[in-house]
Amino acid sequence: MNHFPKLLSSQIGFDVAASIIKGFDRHYRVFRDAAIEAKVVFEADGWPALQKLARDRIASYDERVSECVMRLEDEYDAETIDDEVWQQIKLHFIGLLTTHRQPECAETFFNSVCCKNLHRSYFNNDLIFVRPAISTDYIENDEPAAKPNFQIHVLSSLFFRNKAAYIVGRIINGNMLMPFAIAVRHTRPGLLALDTVLLSREQLLIIFSFSHSYFLVDMEVPSAYVQFLSTLMLGKPKGEIYTSVGLQKQGKNLFYRDLLHHLKHSSDRFVIAPGIKGLVMIVFTLPSFPYVFKLIKDAFPPPKDTTRQKIQDKYLLVKRHDRMGRGRYARIFEHRAATRAA
């Protein structure tokens, strides 16, 4: 049962909510600016600079969260705010999202800021967005994300990654829907050429898979892009699509919601995964959930010669680049408590 306050009577509640919205808007400006700059860098055939831009964008989210947390501590002494006021902050925040263009990502940003301020292992679900409060189903760009040309729809922004830019769209012919992605590359200075044309769901699943680094794409309304892409790759979770377009925190949030939903409707308990025990990780799973969970150990017996920080740095290295192998599907959680062990 929710226990929200009856009246939104706290001025500090509104002020903190407005400050978090301001912090998120700054984050998303930086996010979009990276995609806009990617176009300039791609046109100049500067693909190493494009890779650096993608790596820097990954780090920018945590930087913006930390900036917002520091602002709240300096201006409102946020660590001393009690749960009742945080409930009011959340309700004010919902009110500020009613005309927002990226409400689902703003909710995730709120969660990140709230959790850093509360400094807890367990979080009261009333204080964060475990479920989305704002629907994104009917949010549209002022300029449509998909431009209709009879039976051809094309997303209005290019998808930049490494040496290629992708034009992504779909062809509709009656009841048939054919996805397509056209890769554009530099063949020599000043000359662009179509490198390949992909015309199947299976091929799009490969370029949008976790095996590759995130795309840089300018999206005013990310939910519209994700909804469009989900029609091209039926069955691919929306959380994975958010991750592919660089909104990995939103993708992780959706994964966590799926996990909570599964736990609520399952009697499974976490069990140690079968096989040889590792020296670095404790590996466990839920029998009916298709993911493996890993915990980094506090100490590593011989012959392993490593540290927790070195392991975390290696996961971050995988996150920032095209990736193959066991680390490609990793979603990293820190300072979270697990329950329901066998």
C-alpha atoms as a PDB file:
ATOM      1  CA  MET A   1       0.000   0.000   0.000  1.00  0.00           C
ATOM      2  CA  ASN A   2       1.267   3.469  -0.844  1.00  0.00           C
ATOM      3  CA  HIS A   3       1.459   6.039   1.937  1.00  0.00           C
ATOM      4  CA  PHE A   4       1.779   9.312   0.080  1.00  0.00           C
ATOM      5  CA  PRO A   5       1.074  12.578   1.917  1.00  0.00           C
ATOM      6  CA  LYS A   6      -2.400  13.951   1.486  1.00  0.00           C
ATOM      7  CA  LEU A   7      -1.259  17.480   0.630  1.00  0.00           C
ATOM      8  CA  LEU A   8       1.647  18.751  -1.436  1.00  0.00           C
ATOM      9  CA  SER A   9       2.367  21.329   1.211  1.00  0.00           C
ATOM     10  CA  SER A  10       6.158  21.352   1.207  1.00  0.00           C
ATOM     11  CA  GLN A  11       7.859  24.143  -0.743  1.00  0.00           C
ATOM     12  CA  ILE A  12      11.170  22.318  -0.445  1.00  0.00           C
ATOM     13  CA  GLY A  13       9.470  19.323  -2.100  1.00  0.00           C
ATOM     14  CA  PHE A  14       8.721  21.359  -5.210  1.00  0.00           C
ATOM     15  CA  ASP A  15      12.105  23.077  -5.221  1.00  0.00           C
ATOM     16  CA  VAL A  16      14.031  19.792  -4.992  1.00  0.00           C
ATOM     17  CA  ALA A  17      11.871  18.223  -7.721  1.00  0.00           C
ATOM     18  CA  ALA A  18      12.506  21.226  -9.976  1.00  0.00           C
ATOM     19  CA  SER A  19      16.252  20.993  -9.305  1.00  0.00           C
ATOM     20  CA  ILE A  20      16.298  17.300 -10.261  1.00  0.00           C
ATOM     21  CA  ILE A  21      14.406  18.069 -13.480  1.00  0.00           C
ATOM     22  CA  LYS A  22      16.960  20.787 -14.219  1.00  0.00           C
ATOM     23  CA  GLY A  23      19.771  18.295 -13.605  1.00  0.00           C
ATOM     24  CA  PHE A  24      18.203  15.752 -15.930  1.00  0.00           C
ATOM     25  CA  ASP A  25      17.617  18.339 -18.652  1.00  0.00           C
ATOM     26  CA  ARG A  26      21.302  19.236 -18.492  1.00  0.00           C
ATOM     27  CA  HIS A  27      22.204  15.536 -18.785  1.00  0.00           C
ATOM     28  CA  TYR A  28      19.983  15.050 -21.819  1.00  0.00           C
ATOM     29  CA  ARG A  29      21.354  18.184 -23.521  1.00  0.00           C
ATOM     30  CA  VAL A  30      24.841  16.721 -23.140  1.00  0.00           C
ATOM     31  CA  PHE A  31      23.543  13.372 -24.439  1.00  0.00           C
ATOM     32  CA  ARG A  32      22.003  14.968 -27.550  1.00  0.00           C
ATOM     33  CA  ASP A  33      24.961  17.275 -28.120  1.00  0.00           C
ATOM     34  CA  ALA A  34      27.174  14.179 -28.373  1.00  0.00           C
ATOM     35  CA  ALA A  35      24.960  12.792 -31.151  1.00  0.00           C
ATOM     36  CA  ILE A  36      24.966  16.149 -32.970  1.00  0.00           C
ATOM     37  CA  GLU A  37      28.744  16.316 -32.716  1.00  0.00           C
ATOM     38  CA  ALA A  38      28.930  12.718 -33.982  1.00  0.00           C
ATOM     39  CA  LYS A  39      27.513  13.875 -37.319  1.00  0.00           C
ATOM     40  CA  VAL A  40      30.242  16.501 -37.690  1.00  0.00           C
ATOM     41  CA  VAL A  41      32.969  14.043 -36.688  1.00  0.00           C
ATOM     42  CA  PHE A  42      31.632  11.361 -39.048  1.00  0.00           C
ATOM     43  CA  GLU A  43      31.546  13.790 -41.980  1.00  0.00           C
ATOM     44  CA  ALA A  44      35.203  14.592 -41.265  1.00  0.00           C
ATOM     45  CA  ASP A  45      36.022  10.846 -41.274  1.00  0.00           C
ATOM     46  CA  GLY A  46      37.266  11.087 -37.698  1.00  0.00           C
ATOM     47  CA  TRP A  47      36.236   7.680 -36.423  1.00  0.00           C
ATOM     48  CA  PRO A  48      38.780   7.535 -33.536  1.00  0.00           C
ATOM     49  CA  ALA A  49      37.259  10.816 -32.319  1.00  0.00           C
ATOM     50  CA  LEU A  50      33.818   9.218 -32.713  1.00  0.00           C
ATOM     51  CA  GLN A  51      34.881   6.347 -30.463  1.00  0.00           C
ATOM     52  CA  LYS A  52      36.168   8.791 -27.856  1.00  0.00           C
ATOM     53  CA  LEU A  53      32.905  10.723 -28.051  1.00  0.00           C
ATOM     54  CA  ALA A  54      30.970   7.521 -27.355  1.00  0.00           C
ATOM     55  CA  ARG A  55      33.212   6.636 -24.384  1.00  0.00           C
ATOM     56  CA  ASP A  56      32.927  10.123 -22.908  1.00  0.00           C
ATOM     57  CA  ARG A  57      29.140  10.024 -23.236  1.00  0.00           C
ATOM     58  CA  ILE A  58      28.976   6.827 -21.154  1.00  0.00           C
ATOM     59  CA  ALA A  59      30.752   8.579 -18.277  1.00  0.00           C
ATOM     60  CA  SER A  60      28.657  11.737 -18.546  1.00  0.00           C
ATOM     61  CA  TYR A  61      25.556  10.208 -16.912  1.00  0.00           C
ATOM     62  CA  ASP A  62      27.260   9.530 -13.588  1.00  0.00           C
ATOM     63  CA  GLU A  63      28.901  12.956 -13.760  1.00  0.00           C
ATOM     64  CA  ARG A  64      25.524  14.676 -14.164  1.00  0.00           C
ATOM     65  CA  VAL A  65      24.017  12.609 -11.330  1.00  0.00           C
ATOM     66  CA  SER A  66      26.909  13.557  -9.044  1.00  0.00           C
ATOM     67  CA  GLU A  67      26.491  17.232  -9.974  1.00  0.00           C
ATOM     68  CA  CYS A  68      22.807  17.082  -9.104  1.00  0.00           C
ATOM     69  CA  VAL A  69      23.448  15.291  -5.804  1.00  0.00           C
ATOM     70  CA  MET A  70      26.021  17.906  -4.791  1.00  0.00           C
ATOM     71  CA  ARG A  71      23.620  20.709  -5.701  1.00  0.00           C
ATOM     72  CA  LEU A  72      20.870  19.187  -3.569  1.00  0.00           C
ATOM     73  CA  GLU A  73      23.253  18.728  -0.645  1.00  0.00           C
ATOM     74  CA  ASP A  74      24.550  22.294  -0.904  1.00  0.00           C
ATOM     75  CA  GLU A  75      21.183  24.000  -1.384  1.00  0.00           C
ATOM     76  CA  TYR A  76      18.780  21.773   0.564  1.00  0.00           C
ATOM     77  CA  ASP A  77      20.941  19.608   2.864  1.00  0.00           C
ATOM     78  CA  ALA A  78      19.352  16.660   1.058  1.00  0.00           C
ATOM     79  CA  GLU A  79      20.775  13.960   3.339  1.00  0.00           C
ATOM     80  CA  THR A  80      18.572  15.227   6.167  1.00  0.00           C
ATOM     81  CA  ILE A  81      15.319  15.229   4.171  1.00  0.00           C
ATOM     82  CA  ASP A  82      12.929  12.677   5.663  1.00  0.00           C
ATOM     83  CA  ASP A  83      10.851  10.106   3.801  1.00  0.00           C
ATOM     84  CA  GLU A  84       7.622  12.114   3.919  1.00  0.00           C
ATOM     85  CA  VAL A  85       9.252  15.041   2.133  1.00  0.00           C
ATOM     86  CA  TRP A  86      10.839  12.669  -0.407  1.00  0.00           C
ATOM     87  CA  GLN A  87       7.342  11.380  -1.138  1.00  0.00           C
ATOM     88  CA  GLN A  88       6.270  14.950  -1.839  1.00  0.00           C
ATOM     89  CA  ILE A  89       9.355  15.480  -4.002  1.00  0.00           C
ATOM     90  CA  LYS A  90       8.347  12.455  -6.066  1.00  0.00           C
ATOM     91  CA  LEU A  91       4.766  13.689  -6.508  1.00  0.00           C
ATOM     92  CA  HIS A  92       5.926  17.163  -7.509  1.00  0.00           C
ATOM     93  CA  PHE A  93       8.358  15.526  -9.932  1.00  0.00           C
ATOM     94  CA  ILE A  94       5.497  13.578 -11.550  1.00  0.00           C
ATOM     95  CA  GLY A  95       3.602  16.833 -12.018  1.00  0.00           C
ATOM     96  CA  LEU A  96       6.616  18.368 -13.761  1.00  0.00           C
ATOM     97  CA  LEU A  97       6.762  15.437 -16.196  1.00  0.00           C
ATOM     98  CA  THR A  98       3.278  15.832 -17.656  1.00  0.00           C
ATOM     99  CA  THR A  99       4.554  17.725 -20.731  1.00  0.00           C
ATOM    100  CA  HIS A 100       8.114  16.424 -20.708  1.00  0.00           C
ATOM    101  CA  ARG A 101       9.578  14.800 -23.838  1.00  0.00           C
ATOM    102  CA  GLN A 102      11.765  12.223 -22.066  1.00  0.00           C
ATOM    103  CA  PRO A 103       9.735  11.321 -18.958  1.00  0.00           C
ATOM    104  CA  GLU A 104      10.869   7.684 -18.709  1.00  0.00           C
ATOM    105  CA  CYS A 105      14.546   8.696 -18.720  1.00  0.00           C
ATOM    106  CA  ALA A 106      13.848  11.522 -16.263  1.00  0.00           C
ATOM    107  CA  GLU A 107      12.286   8.986 -13.870  1.00  0.00           C
ATOM    108  CA  THR A 108      15.437   6.863 -14.083  1.00  0.00           C
ATOM    109  CA  PHE A 109      17.577   9.942 -13.393  1.00  0.00           C
ATOM    110  CA  PHE A 110      15.379  10.686 -10.352  1.00  0.00           C
ATOM    111  CA  ASN A 111      16.015   7.133  -9.092  1.00  0.00           C
ATOM    112  CA  SER A 112      19.780   7.575  -9.452  1.00  0.00           C
ATOM    113  CA  VAL A 113      19.770  10.880  -7.579  1.00  0.00           C
ATOM    114  CA  CYS A 114      17.376   9.659  -4.885  1.00  0.00           C
ATOM    115  CA  CYS A 115      19.356   6.475  -4.189  1.00  0.00           C
ATOM    116  CA  LYS A 116      22.633   8.388  -3.845  1.00  0.00           C
ATOM    117  CA  ASN A 117      21.028  10.817  -1.409  1.00  0.00           C
ATOM    118  CA  LEU A 118      19.357   8.155   0.729  1.00  0.00           C
ATOM    119  CA  HIS A 119      22.486   5.973   1.089  1.00  0.00           C
ATOM    120  CA  ARG A 120      20.580   2.762   1.739  1.00  0.00           C
ATOM    121  CA  SER A 121      20.895  -0.847   0.649  1.00  0.00           C
ATOM    122  CA  TYR A 122      17.124  -1.239   0.562  1.00  0.00           C
ATOM    123  CA  PHE A 123      14.887   1.437  -0.901  1.00  0.00           C
ATOM    124  CA  ASN A 124      11.286   2.245  -0.157  1.00  0.00           C
ATOM    125  CA  ASN A 125       9.481   1.766  -3.463  1.00  0.00           C
ATOM    126  CA  ASP A 126       7.214   4.698  -2.612  1.00  0.00           C
ATOM    127  CA  LEU A 127      10.213   7.016  -2.944  1.00  0.00           C
ATOM    128  CA  ILE A 128      11.501   5.924  -6.372  1.00  0.00           C
ATOM    129  CA  PHE A 129      10.001   4.986  -9.734  1.00  0.00           C
ATOM    130  CA  VAL A 130       9.875   1.196  -9.577  1.00  0.00           C
ATOM    131  CA  ARG A 131       6.989   1.499 -12.058  1.00  0.00           C
ATOM    132  CA  PRO A 132       6.702   4.285 -14.643  1.00  0.00           C
ATOM    133  CA  ALA A 133       4.323   7.073 -13.625  1.00  0.00           C
ATOM    134  CA  ILE A 134       4.098   8.711 -17.057  1.00  0.00           C
ATOM    135  CA  SER A 135       3.048   6.829 -20.197  1.00  0.00           C
ATOM    136  CA  THR A 136       5.210   7.360 -23.292  1.00  0.00           C
ATOM    137  CA  ASP A 137       2.757   5.711 -25.693  1.00  0.00           C
ATOM    138  CA  TYR A 138       1.362   8.950 -27.096  1.00  0.00           C
ATOM    139  CA  ILE A 139       4.366  11.276 -27.024  1.00  0.00           C
ATOM    140  CA  GLU A 140       5.248  12.473 -30.516  1.00  0.00           C
ATOM    141  CA  ASN A 141       8.057  14.597 -31.912  1.00  0.00           C
ATOM    142  CA  ASP A 142       7.171  17.990 -33.334  1.00  0.00           C
ATOM    143  CA  GLU A 143       8.972  16.516 -36.338  1.00  0.00           C
ATOM    144  CA  PRO A 144       7.844  12.877 -36.631  1.00  0.00           C
ATOM    145  CA  ALA A 145      10.445  10.281 -35.656  1.00  0.00           C
ATOM    146  CA  ALA A 146       9.268   8.234 -38.682  1.00  0.00           C
ATOM    147  CA  LYS A 147       8.781  10.119 -41.934  1.00  0.00           C
ATOM    148  CA  PRO A 148       6.108   8.465 -44.085  1.00  0.00           C
ATOM    149  CA  ASN A 149       6.676   8.334 -47.849  1.00  0.00           C
ATOM    150  CA  PHE A 150       3.775   6.164 -49.005  1.00  0.00           C
ATOM    151  CA  GLN A 151       4.983   2.794 -47.648  1.00  0.00           C
ATOM    152  CA  ILE A 152       8.502   3.788 -46.588  1.00  0.00           C
ATOM    153  CA  HIS A 153       9.262   5.093 -43.077  1.00  0.00           C
ATOM    154  CA  VAL A 154      12.729   6.392 -42.211  1.00  0.00           C
ATOM    155  CA  LEU A 155      13.949   7.539 -38.792  1.00  0.00           C
ATOM    156  CA  SER A 156      14.902  11.196 -38.967  1.00  0.00           C
ATOM    157  CA  SER A 157      18.352  10.833 -37.345  1.00  0.00           C
ATOM    158  CA  LEU A 158      21.340   8.761 -38.393  1.00  0.00           C
ATOM    159  CA  PHE A 159      22.806   6.097 -36.108  1.00  0.00           C
ATOM    160  CA  PHE A 160      26.565   6.664 -35.712  1.00  0.00           C
ATOM    161  CA  ARG A 161      29.031   4.032 -34.523  1.00  0.00           C
ATOM    162  CA  ASN A 162      32.728   3.622 -35.288  1.00  0.00           C
ATOM    163  CA  LYS A 163      33.337   4.025 -39.050  1.00  0.00           C
ATOM    164  CA  ALA A 164      29.700   3.808 -40.170  1.00  0.00           C
ATOM    165  CA  ALA A 165      26.461   5.752 -40.064  1.00  0.00           C
ATOM    166  CA  TYR A 166      23.208   3.820 -40.439  1.00  0.00           C
ATOM    167  CA  ILE A 167      19.955   4.910 -42.046  1.00  0.00           C
ATOM    168  CA  VAL A 168      17.225   2.889 -40.308  1.00  0.00           C
ATOM    169  CA  GLY A 169      13.655   2.428 -41.487  1.00  0.00           C
ATOM    170  CA  ARG A 170      10.965   0.036 -42.679  1.00  0.00           C
ATOM    171  CA  ILE A 171       9.054  -0.759 -45.855  1.00  0.00           C
ATOM    172  CA  ILE A 172       5.342  -1.552 -45.502  1.00  0.00           C
ATOM    173  CA  ASN A 173       3.508  -3.359 -48.283  1.00  0.00           C
ATOM    174  CA  GLY A 174       0.013  -4.317 -47.195  1.00  0.00           C
ATOM    175  CA  ASN A 175       0.444  -6.584 -44.184  1.00  0.00           C
ATOM    176  CA  MET A 176       4.149  -7.109 -44.868  1.00  0.00           C
ATOM    177  CA  LEU A 177       6.740  -5.124 -42.924  1.00  0.00           C
ATOM    178  CA  MET A 178      10.362  -5.248 -44.033  1.00  0.00           C
ATOM    179  CA  PRO A 179      12.980  -3.568 -41.836  1.00  0.00           C
ATOM    180  CA  PHE A 180      16.097  -2.087 -43.357  1.00  0.00           C
ATOM    181  CA  ALA A 181      19.364  -0.507 -42.306  1.00  0.00           C
ATOM    182  CA  ILE A 182      21.723   1.115 -44.801  1.00  0.00           C
ATOM    183  CA  ALA A 183      25.353   1.444 -43.720  1.00  0.00           C
ATOM    184  CA  VAL A 184      27.159   4.541 -45.012  1.00  0.00           C
ATOM    185  CA  ARG A 185      30.963   4.700 -44.911  1.00  0.00           C
ATOM    186  CA  HIS A 186      33.840   6.793 -46.175  1.00  0.00           C
ATOM    187  CA  THR A 187      35.600   5.173 -49.127  1.00  0.00           C
ATOM    188  CA  ARG A 188      38.151   7.954 -49.563  1.00  0.00           C
ATOM    189  CA  PRO A 189      38.446  11.550 -48.326  1.00  0.00           C
ATOM    190  CA  GLY A 190      35.344  13.519 -49.219  1.00  0.00           C
ATOM    191  CA  LEU A 191      33.479  10.539 -50.664  1.00  0.00           C
ATOM    192  CA  LEU A 192      30.698   8.559 -48.960  1.00  0.00           C
ATOM    193  CA  ALA A 193      29.290   5.285 -50.251  1.00  0.00           C
ATOM    194  CA  LEU A 194      26.587   2.805 -49.280  1.00  0.00           C
ATOM    195  CA  ASP A 195      28.522  -0.054 -47.735  1.00  0.00           C
ATOM    196  CA  THR A 196      25.658  -2.521 -47.406  1.00  0.00           C
ATOM    197  CA  VAL A 197      21.889  -2.782 -47.127  1.00  0.00           C
ATOM    198  CA  LEU A 198      20.419  -5.011 -44.407  1.00  0.00           C
ATOM    199  CA  LEU A 199      16.890  -6.246 -45.055  1.00  0.00           C
ATOM    200  CA  SER A 200      16.050  -8.765 -42.342  1.00  0.00           C
ATOM    201  CA  ARG A 201      15.146  -8.757 -38.658  1.00  0.00           C
ATOM    202  CA  GLU A 202      18.031 -11.148 -37.956  1.00  0.00           C
ATOM    203  CA  GLN A 203      20.567  -8.733 -39.444  1.00  0.00           C
ATOM    204  CA  LEU A 204      19.202  -5.789 -37.477  1.00  0.00           C
ATOM    205  CA  LEU A 205      19.333  -7.860 -34.290  1.00  0.00           C
ATOM    206  CA  ILE A 206      23.062  -8.306 -34.903  1.00  0.00           C
ATOM    207  CA  ILE A 207      23.878  -4.600 -35.313  1.00  0.00           C
ATOM    208  CA  PHE A 208      21.678  -3.725 -32.298  1.00  0.00           C
ATOM    209  CA  SER A 209      23.086  -6.532 -30.147  1.00  0.00           C
ATOM    210  CA  PHE A 210      25.166  -6.214 -26.986  1.00  0.00           C
ATOM    211  CA  SER A 211      28.176  -7.400 -28.991  1.00  0.00           C
ATOM    212  CA  HIS A 212      28.614  -3.845 -30.266  1.00  0.00           C
ATOM    213  CA  SER A 213      29.149  -0.483 -28.619  1.00  0.00           C
ATOM    214  CA  TYR A 214      26.262   1.937 -28.222  1.00  0.00           C
ATOM    215  CA  PHE A 215      24.984   4.067 -31.089  1.00  0.00           C
ATOM    216  CA  LEU A 216      25.155   7.857 -31.069  1.00  0.00           C
ATOM    217  CA  VAL A 217      21.747   9.079 -32.267  1.00  0.00           C
ATOM    218  CA  ASP A 218      19.974  12.398 -31.696  1.00  0.00           C
ATOM    219  CA  MET A 219      16.503  11.738 -30.221  1.00  0.00           C
ATOM    220  CA  GLU A 220      14.225  14.416 -28.837  1.00  0.00           C
ATOM    221  CA  VAL A 221      11.679  11.752 -27.868  1.00  0.00           C
ATOM    222  CA  PRO A 222      13.614   8.523 -27.195  1.00  0.00           C
ATOM    223  CA  SER A 223      10.460   6.503 -26.515  1.00  0.00           C
ATOM    224  CA  ALA A 224       9.288   7.188 -30.092  1.00  0.00           C
ATOM    225  CA  TYR A 225      12.552   5.812 -31.470  1.00  0.00           C
ATOM    226  CA  VAL A 226      12.424   2.756 -29.216  1.00  0.00           C
ATOM    227  CA  GLN A 227       8.814   2.056 -30.181  1.00  0.00           C
ATOM    228  CA  PHE A 228       9.702   2.316 -33.889  1.00  0.00           C
ATOM    229  CA  LEU A 229      12.742   0.060 -33.517  1.00  0.00           C
ATOM    230  CA  SER A 230      10.713  -2.511 -31.586  1.00  0.00           C
ATOM    231  CA  THR A 231       8.487  -2.964 -34.673  1.00  0.00           C
ATOM    232  CA  LEU A 232      11.598  -3.867 -36.666  1.00  0.00           C
ATOM    233  CA  MET A 233      12.906  -6.369 -34.117  1.00  0.00           C
ATOM    234  CA  LEU A 234       9.823  -8.072 -32.708  1.00  0.00           C
ATOM    235  CA  GLY A 235      10.533  -9.828 -29.441  1.00  0.00           C
ATOM    236  CA  LYS A 236      13.600  -7.756 -28.552  1.00  0.00           C
ATOM    237  CA  PRO A 237      13.031  -6.236 -25.083  1.00  0.00           C
ATOM    238  CA  LYS A 238      12.680  -2.468 -25.076  1.00  0.00           C
ATOM    239  CA  GLY A 239      15.283  -2.289 -22.349  1.00  0.00           C
ATOM    240  CA  GLU A 240      17.864  -3.737 -24.738  1.00  0.00           C
ATOM    241  CA  ILE A 241      16.897  -1.194 -27.404  1.00  0.00           C
ATOM    242  CA  TYR A 242      17.285   1.706 -24.950  1.00  0.00           C
ATOM    243  CA  THR A 243      20.737   0.320 -24.137  1.00  0.00           C
ATOM    244  CA  SER A 244      21.703   0.058 -27.821  1.00  0.00           C
ATOM    245  CA  VAL A 245      20.947   3.739 -28.449  1.00  0.00           C
ATOM    246  CA  GLY A 246      23.103   4.827 -25.518  1.00  0.00           C
ATOM    247  CA  LEU A 247      20.481   5.103 -22.773  1.00  0.00           C
ATOM    248  CA  GLN A 248      21.948   2.186 -20.847  1.00  0.00           C
ATOM    249  CA  LYS A 249      20.685   3.413 -17.468  1.00  0.00           C
ATOM    250  CA  GLN A 250      17.121   3.332 -18.778  1.00  0.00           C
ATOM    251  CA  GLY A 251      17.769  -0.145 -20.187  1.00  0.00           C
ATOM    252  CA  LYS A 252      19.045  -1.305 -16.805  1.00  0.00           C
ATOM    253  CA  ASN A 253      15.995   0.222 -15.118  1.00  0.00           C
ATOM    254  CA  LEU A 254      13.645  -1.746 -17.399  1.00  0.00           C
ATOM    255  CA  PHE A 255      15.623  -4.934 -16.749  1.00  0.00           C
ATOM    256  CA  TYR A 256      15.296  -4.372 -12.999  1.00  0.00           C
ATOM    257  CA  ARG A 257      11.534  -3.871 -13.358  1.00  0.00           C
ATOM    258  CA  ASP A 258      11.305  -7.143 -15.297  1.00  0.00           C
ATOM    259  CA  LEU A 259      13.251  -8.887 -12.538  1.00  0.00           C
ATOM    260  CA  LEU A 260      10.961  -7.508  -9.813  1.00  0.00           C
ATOM    261  CA  HIS A 261       7.918  -8.588 -11.834  1.00  0.00           C
ATOM    262  CA  HIS A 262       9.381 -12.067 -12.209  1.00  0.00           C
ATOM    263  CA  LEU A 263      10.145 -12.353  -8.494  1.00  0.00           C
ATOM    264  CA  LYS A 264       6.618 -11.269  -7.625  1.00  0.00           C
ATOM    265  CA  HIS A 265       5.053 -13.979  -9.769  1.00  0.00           C
ATOM    266  CA  SER A 266       7.564 -16.770  -9.178  1.00  0.00           C
ATOM    267  CA  SER A 267       8.322 -19.015  -6.219  1.00  0.00           C
ATOM    268  CA  ASP A 268      11.904 -19.546  -7.391  1.00  0.00           C
ATOM    269  CA  ARG A 269      14.810 -18.799  -5.100  1.00  0.00           C
ATOM    270  CA  PHE A 270      18.321 -17.862  -6.104  1.00  0.00           C
ATOM    271  CA  VAL A 271      20.613 -20.892  -6.335  1.00  0.00           C
ATOM    272  CA  ILE A 272      24.335 -21.289  -6.912  1.00  0.00           C
ATOM    273  CA  ALA A 273      24.926 -21.908 -10.615  1.00  0.00           C
ATOM    274  CA  PRO A 274      26.143 -25.405 -11.563  1.00  0.00           C
ATOM    275  CA  GLY A 275      29.745 -25.928 -12.609  1.00  0.00           C
ATOM    276  CA  ILE A 276      33.192 -25.228 -11.225  1.00  0.00           C
ATOM    277  CA  LYS A 277      33.238 -22.447  -8.669  1.00  0.00           C
ATOM    278  CA  GLY A 278      35.129 -19.371  -9.779  1.00  0.00           C
ATOM    279  CA  LEU A 279      37.923 -17.686  -7.855  1.00  0.00           C
ATOM    280  CA  VAL A 280      36.734 -14.149  -8.636  1.00  0.00           C
ATOM    281  CA  MET A 281      32.938 -14.364  -8.777  1.00  0.00           C
ATOM    282  CA  ILE A 282      30.085 -16.003  -6.943  1.00  0.00           C
ATOM    283  CA  VAL A 283      27.664 -17.047  -9.687  1.00  0.00           C
ATOM    284  CA  PHE A 284      23.989 -17.760  -9.085  1.00  0.00           C
ATOM    285  CA  THR A 285      20.740 -17.830 -10.982  1.00  0.00           C
ATOM    286  CA  LEU A 286      16.981 -18.280 -10.852  1.00  0.00           C
ATOM    287  CA  PRO A 287      15.919 -21.534 -12.524  1.00  0.00           C
ATOM    288  CA  SER A 288      13.113 -19.837 -14.469  1.00  0.00           C
ATOM    289  CA  PHE A 289      14.890 -16.558 -15.335  1.00  0.00           C
ATOM    290  CA  PRO A 290      17.259 -16.492 -18.346  1.00  0.00           C
ATOM    291  CA  TYR A 291      20.071 -14.501 -16.736  1.00  0.00           C
ATOM    292  CA  VAL A 292      23.113 -15.287 -14.615  1.00  0.00           C
ATOM    293  CA  PHE A 293      23.938 -13.088 -11.614  1.00  0.00           C
ATOM    294  CA  LYS A 294      27.529 -12.544 -10.517  1.00  0.00           C
ATOM    295  CA  LEU A 295      28.916 -11.051  -7.330  1.00  0.00           C
ATOM    296  CA  ILE A 296      32.533  -9.928  -7.141  1.00  0.00           C
ATOM    297  CA  LYS A 297      34.164 -11.544  -4.111  1.00  0.00           C
ATOM    298  CA  ASP A 298      35.819  -9.484  -1.386  1.00  0.00           C
ATOM    299  CA  ALA A 299      39.012 -11.588  -1.456  1.00  0.00           C
ATOM    300  CA  PHE A 300      40.644 -13.697  -4.175  1.00  0.00           C
ATOM    301  CA  PRO A 301      42.627 -16.825  -3.289  1.00  0.00           C
ATOM    302  CA  PRO A 302      45.783 -17.853  -5.204  1.00  0.00           C
ATOM    303  CA  PRO A 303      46.578 -18.245  -8.044  1.00  0.00           C
ATOM    304  CA  LYS A 304      44.433 -15.186  -8.761  1.00  0.00           C
ATOM    305  CA  ASP A 305      46.363 -11.951  -8.368  1.00  0.00           C
ATOM    306  CA  THR A 306      43.843  -9.152  -8.793  1.00  0.00           C
ATOM    307  CA  THR A 307      41.702  -6.611  -6.959  1.00  0.00           C
ATOM    308  CA  ARG A 308      38.045  -5.636  -6.977  1.00  0.00           C
ATOM    309  CA  GLN A 309      38.949  -2.344  -8.681  1.00  0.00           C
ATOM    310  CA  LYS A 310      40.839  -4.128 -11.488  1.00  0.00           C
ATOM    311  CA  ILE A 311      37.819  -6.344 -12.139  1.00  0.00           C
ATOM    312  CA  GLN A 312      35.452  -3.373 -12.197  1.00  0.00           C
ATOM    313  CA  ASP A 313      37.804  -1.546 -14.568  1.00  0.00           C
ATOM    314  CA  LYS A 314      37.739  -4.512 -16.946  1.00  0.00           C
ATOM    315  CA  TYR A 315      33.937  -4.497 -17.003  1.00  0.00           C
ATOM    316  CA  LEU A 316      34.042  -0.770 -17.734  1.00  0.00           C
ATOM    317  CA  LEU A 317      36.506  -1.423 -20.573  1.00  0.00           C
ATOM    318  CA  VAL A 318      34.061  -3.900 -22.099  1.00  0.00           C
ATOM    319  CA  LYS A 319      31.197  -1.415 -21.681  1.00  0.00           C
ATOM    320  CA  ARG A 320      33.014   1.305 -23.633  1.00  0.00           C
ATOM    321  CA  HIS A 321      33.944  -0.715 -26.726  1.00  0.00           C
ATOM    322  CA  ASP A 322      32.669  -3.231 -29.221  1.00  0.00           C
ATOM    323  CA  ARG A 323      32.581  -6.403 -27.187  1.00  0.00           C
ATOM    324  CA  MET A 324      32.650 -10.146 -27.627  1.00  0.00           C
ATOM    325  CA  GLY A 325      32.659 -12.924 -25.051  1.00  0.00           C
ATOM    326  CA  ARG A 326      31.198 -13.398 -21.601  1.00  0.00           C
ATOM    327  CA  GLY A 327      31.061  -9.729 -20.593  1.00  0.00           C
ATOM    328  CA  ARG A 328      28.942  -8.485 -23.464  1.00  0.00           C
ATOM    329  CA  TYR A 329      25.557  -8.821 -21.723  1.00  0.00           C
ATOM    330  CA  ALA A 330      26.674  -7.332 -18.404  1.00  0.00           C
ATOM    331  CA  ARG A 331      24.462  -4.938 -16.472  1.00  0.00           C
ATOM    332  CA  ILE A 332      26.296  -3.590 -13.459  1.00  0.00           C
ATOM    333  CA  PHE A 333      24.563  -2.885 -10.136  1.00  0.00           C
ATOM    334  CA  GLU A 334      26.353  -1.458  -7.106  1.00  0.00           C
ATOM    335  CA  HIS A 335      25.407  -1.367  -3.422  1.00  0.00           C
ATOM    336  CA  ARG A 336      22.232  -3.388  -3.856  1.00  0.00           C
ATOM    337  CA  ALA A 337      20.916  -6.084  -1.537  1.00  0.00           C
ATOM    338  CA  ALA A 338      19.712  -9.454  -2.830  1.00  0.00           C
ATOM    339  CA  THR A 339      17.012 -11.519  -1.136  1.00  0.00           C
ATOM    340  CA  ARG A 340      15.225 -14.860  -1.585  1.00  0.00           C
ATOM    341  CA  ALA A 341      18.323 -17.027  -1.427  1.00  0.00           C
ATOM    342  CA  ALA A 342      17.814 -20.760  -1.251  1.00  0.00           C
END
